[in-house]
Amino acid sequence: MNFIAFLIIGALAGWIAGNIMKGKGFGLLGNIVVGIVGAFLGGFLFTLLGLSAGGFIGSLVMATVGAVVLIYLVGLIKRS
């Protein structure tokens, strides 16, 4: 069941980040990938800042923050 929740959080985080950063999502598979990578990045960033997030909403916020940072960094790399 945890794997299903991980995929759902990844898809939601990727979709939310896509809407924040470029006005639309990336499709289901793209949202899941962006959200999962964002979850790892968000977890790393939250740890560096001494923050913690628990539960479904906390995990979603952390993954969304990480996904937004990921999209921003990919945008910087694509421009150069």
Protein backbone atom coordinates (compact mmCIF):
# COMPACT_ATOMS: atom_id res chain seq x y z
CA MET A 1 0.00 0.00 0.00
CA ASN A 2 2.89 2.38 0.67
CA PHE A 3 4.07 2.09 -2.95
CA ILE A 4 0.63 3.14 -4.20
CA ALA A 5 0.63 6.14 -1.83
CA PHE A 6 4.14 7.04 -3.03
CA LEU A 7 2.94 7.05 -6.65
CA ILE A 8 -0.16 9.10 -5.78
CA ILE A 9 1.91 11.68 -3.90
CA GLY A 10 4.40 11.77 -6.77
CA ALA A 11 1.67 12.31 -9.35
CA LEU A 12 -0.02 15.04 -7.30
CA ALA A 13 3.25 16.80 -6.49
CA GLY A 14 4.35 16.72 -10.13
CA TRP A 15 0.99 18.04 -11.30
CA ILE A 16 0.95 20.85 -8.71
CA ALA A 17 4.56 21.81 -9.48
CA GLY A 18 3.85 21.75 -13.22
CA ASN A 19 0.91 24.09 -12.71
CA ILE A 20 2.95 26.42 -10.53
CA MET A 21 5.98 26.57 -12.80
CA LYS A 22 4.71 26.40 -16.34
CA GLY A 23 0.93 26.49 -16.24
CA LYS A 24 0.20 22.82 -16.98
CA GLY A 25 1.16 19.32 -15.92
CA PHE A 26 3.45 16.87 -17.68
CA GLY A 27 1.01 14.02 -18.24
CA LEU A 28 0.48 11.19 -15.77
CA LEU A 29 3.85 9.49 -16.19
CA GLY A 30 5.76 12.80 -16.32
CA ASN A 31 3.98 14.03 -13.20
CA ILE A 32 4.87 10.85 -11.34
CA VAL A 33 8.55 11.06 -12.37
CA VAL A 34 8.83 14.78 -11.52
CA GLY A 35 7.01 14.21 -8.22
CA ILE A 36 9.15 11.24 -7.18
CA VAL A 37 12.43 12.96 -8.02
CA GLY A 38 11.03 16.08 -6.33
CA ALA A 39 10.22 14.05 -3.22
CA PHE A 40 13.84 12.97 -2.91
CA LEU A 41 15.09 16.49 -3.60
CA GLY A 42 12.55 17.98 -1.19
CA GLY A 43 13.55 15.51 1.51
CA PHE A 44 17.20 16.45 1.03
CA LEU A 45 16.42 20.19 1.14
CA PHE A 46 14.15 19.86 4.18
CA THR A 47 16.89 17.93 6.00
CA LEU A 48 19.45 20.61 5.17
CA LEU A 49 17.11 23.27 6.56
CA GLY A 50 16.31 21.22 9.68
CA LEU A 51 12.64 20.84 8.74
CA SER A 52 10.50 17.73 8.87
CA ALA A 53 7.21 16.79 7.27
CA GLY A 54 4.96 13.94 8.32
CA GLY A 55 1.78 12.39 7.06
CA PHE A 56 0.19 12.63 3.65
CA ILE A 57 -0.06 16.44 3.51
CA GLY A 58 3.47 16.96 4.80
CA SER A 59 4.86 14.50 2.27
CA LEU A 60 2.88 16.18 -0.50
CA VAL A 61 4.19 19.63 0.46
CA MET A 62 7.78 18.36 0.66
CA ALA A 63 7.52 16.59 -2.70
CA THR A 64 5.90 19.64 -4.30
CA VAL A 65 8.63 21.97 -3.04
CA GLY A 66 11.26 19.57 -4.35
CA ALA A 67 9.48 19.26 -7.71
CA VAL A 68 9.26 23.05 -8.09
CA VAL A 69 12.99 23.34 -7.37
CA LEU A 70 13.67 20.53 -9.85
CA ILE A 71 11.65 22.20 -12.61
CA TYR A 72 13.38 25.51 -11.90
CA LEU A 73 16.85 23.91 -12.10
CA VAL A 74 16.00 22.05 -15.31
CA GLY A 75 14.77 25.35 -16.77
CA LEU A 76 18.07 27.02 -15.89
CA ILE A 77 20.03 24.22 -17.53
CA LYS A 78 17.90 24.31 -20.68
CA ARG A 79 18.42 28.08 -21.10
CA SER A 80 22.19 27.85 -21.04
